[in-house]
Structures are given as C-alpha cells and as structure tokens.
Amino acid sequence: MILPDQTGRIVSIRNYPERIISLVPSQTELLYDLGLDEEVIGITKFCVHPESWSRSKKRIGGTKNLNLQLISGLRPDLILGNKEENEAGQIIELAEKFPVWLSDINSIPDAMDMIISVGKITGKKEASEKLCMEINDAFNANESFVNGPEKKALYLIWKDPWMAAGRNTYINSMIEYGGFTNCMEPGSRYPELNQNEMWKLKPDLVFLSNEPYPFTESHIPLVKEMFPEALIVMSDGEMFSWYGSRMRLAPRY
C-alpha cells in the first residue's frame, strides 16, 4: 500500500501492518478503540489511555525524546507520529528504516481525516467510519453552542514563559466550536506572551489547561490579577487537544 500522509510524504506500508508503534497519546487511544490490541507493540510514556496499555505495552520514550534504538529492536512495520508532537530529526531518522505515517492536525476536519486514514491503513476501515459517525453525532448534538453572544477566550498552555494556543490549531477549532473567539491574532500557532502583551488581550474567559503545563487552581489568583474582569476556568487538556476517539466526549464536556 502506497499512500500520502497528512504532511504530503509518500509512505509505503504493508497490507496490513502487524507491528505498530504509536508516538502520539491521542492516536494510541484511537488504535485501541479501533481494536488493534495485538498489533500495537510500542507506545510513549505519555500514552496514558487506555490504562491497560500504559501498563502492558513497551514504552519507547517520550513524544519528543524517543528511544530510537529500542524502536529499531521492535522491528515495526508501521510507526504513527505527528508533525507537531514529535521531533523532526527523530522522525527523519526513523523514516530511513521504517514506514512512518505522520498526521498534521490543525482543525476538526483534519482530525476526522486522520481517523479515516488510520482505519484504512490498519484494516479497520469500517470501525473508523463508525467512530467518525459517532463523533459527528456528538458535535451536531451541541451545535447550538455556537449561536451565543461573542466572547473572547484565551487558552493558556504554558507558564514561564506564558504561552497560548493561537489560530490554525486544533485547540482553536474547539474554542470556536464552544462559541468563543480566540483572543490571539493570526500568526504563531503557540505564541509566547510577555506581561504587557497579556494585559492588552482583555479576554472574557481564560482557560487554564492541565496539559502540557500542569496548571492547577493554585494558579487562578495569579491569572486573576492580570485579568480581573475575566472568568478563569480550569480545563481538561485532553478534551481540547486530543484528536482521535476522545473527540466523542469533547462536545458534551
């Protein structure tokens, strides 16, 4: 099977792969929900769903710090990665030896395309189509959320330096689905912000995500000082940023 990945790279993959390594937590969960328990042989240390896999599957390092020697020893016939979540140099090195299919997710439609593509690649086409129908139903059930009054939202993903989710990101798609307008102007996907830039934003609502930076309620007073008029809300980063089968749960959240 010869086909492009979402970055435009042409990948040659056996029909169907029997030794799969996932380099992305949300895509690991997708592989589980597609019924690929026996085929998946390696996952990252951040792949916490499903819990049974986090205990039983071989750990091959972190998403940006892969153990390339261990991966080579596992002899995968498919590696699933992501343009943003994995380090480009390591992906290039792996692609010299193994089929590496990369996702590139900037929107909800991108995520749906990825699910269908992974289903085709792994011989789980019907399961992936069924999953996409369930996701569509979940999003359509809450479509009325986008019809409320316009509110500006800031989604913070890091501290020291402050960083936010910008436009042209999957997180931005979820912000807009919720009926909000992203405070960030078009430009950097994950801009760094100094204190003066933060004060100028004047958001109505600030999301403090629990990943990748582990924001907790203890950070709320600090953020409230910068945005005294805004509502400060703790957010589940998985619901805003995990593209895959977890999308079934995100709209209701």
Foldseek 3Di string as FASTA:
>chain_A
DWDAAAVRDIFDADVAWQAEEELDQLVVLQCVLLPNVRRYAEYACPNCPPVVCNPPHHHQYHSADGNLVVVVVSVGQEYEHEPPRYDPVSQVVVVVPHTYHYQYDQALVSLLVNLCVVCVRNVSNVSSVVLSVLLVVLLVVLQCQQVDDEFEEWEWADVPFTKTAAHSHHLQNLCNSNNYHYLHDPDDRIDTDDLVRLLVSQGQEYEYECPPPRDDPVCVVVVCVSHVNHHYYYDHVCLRHNRHSCSSVNSVD
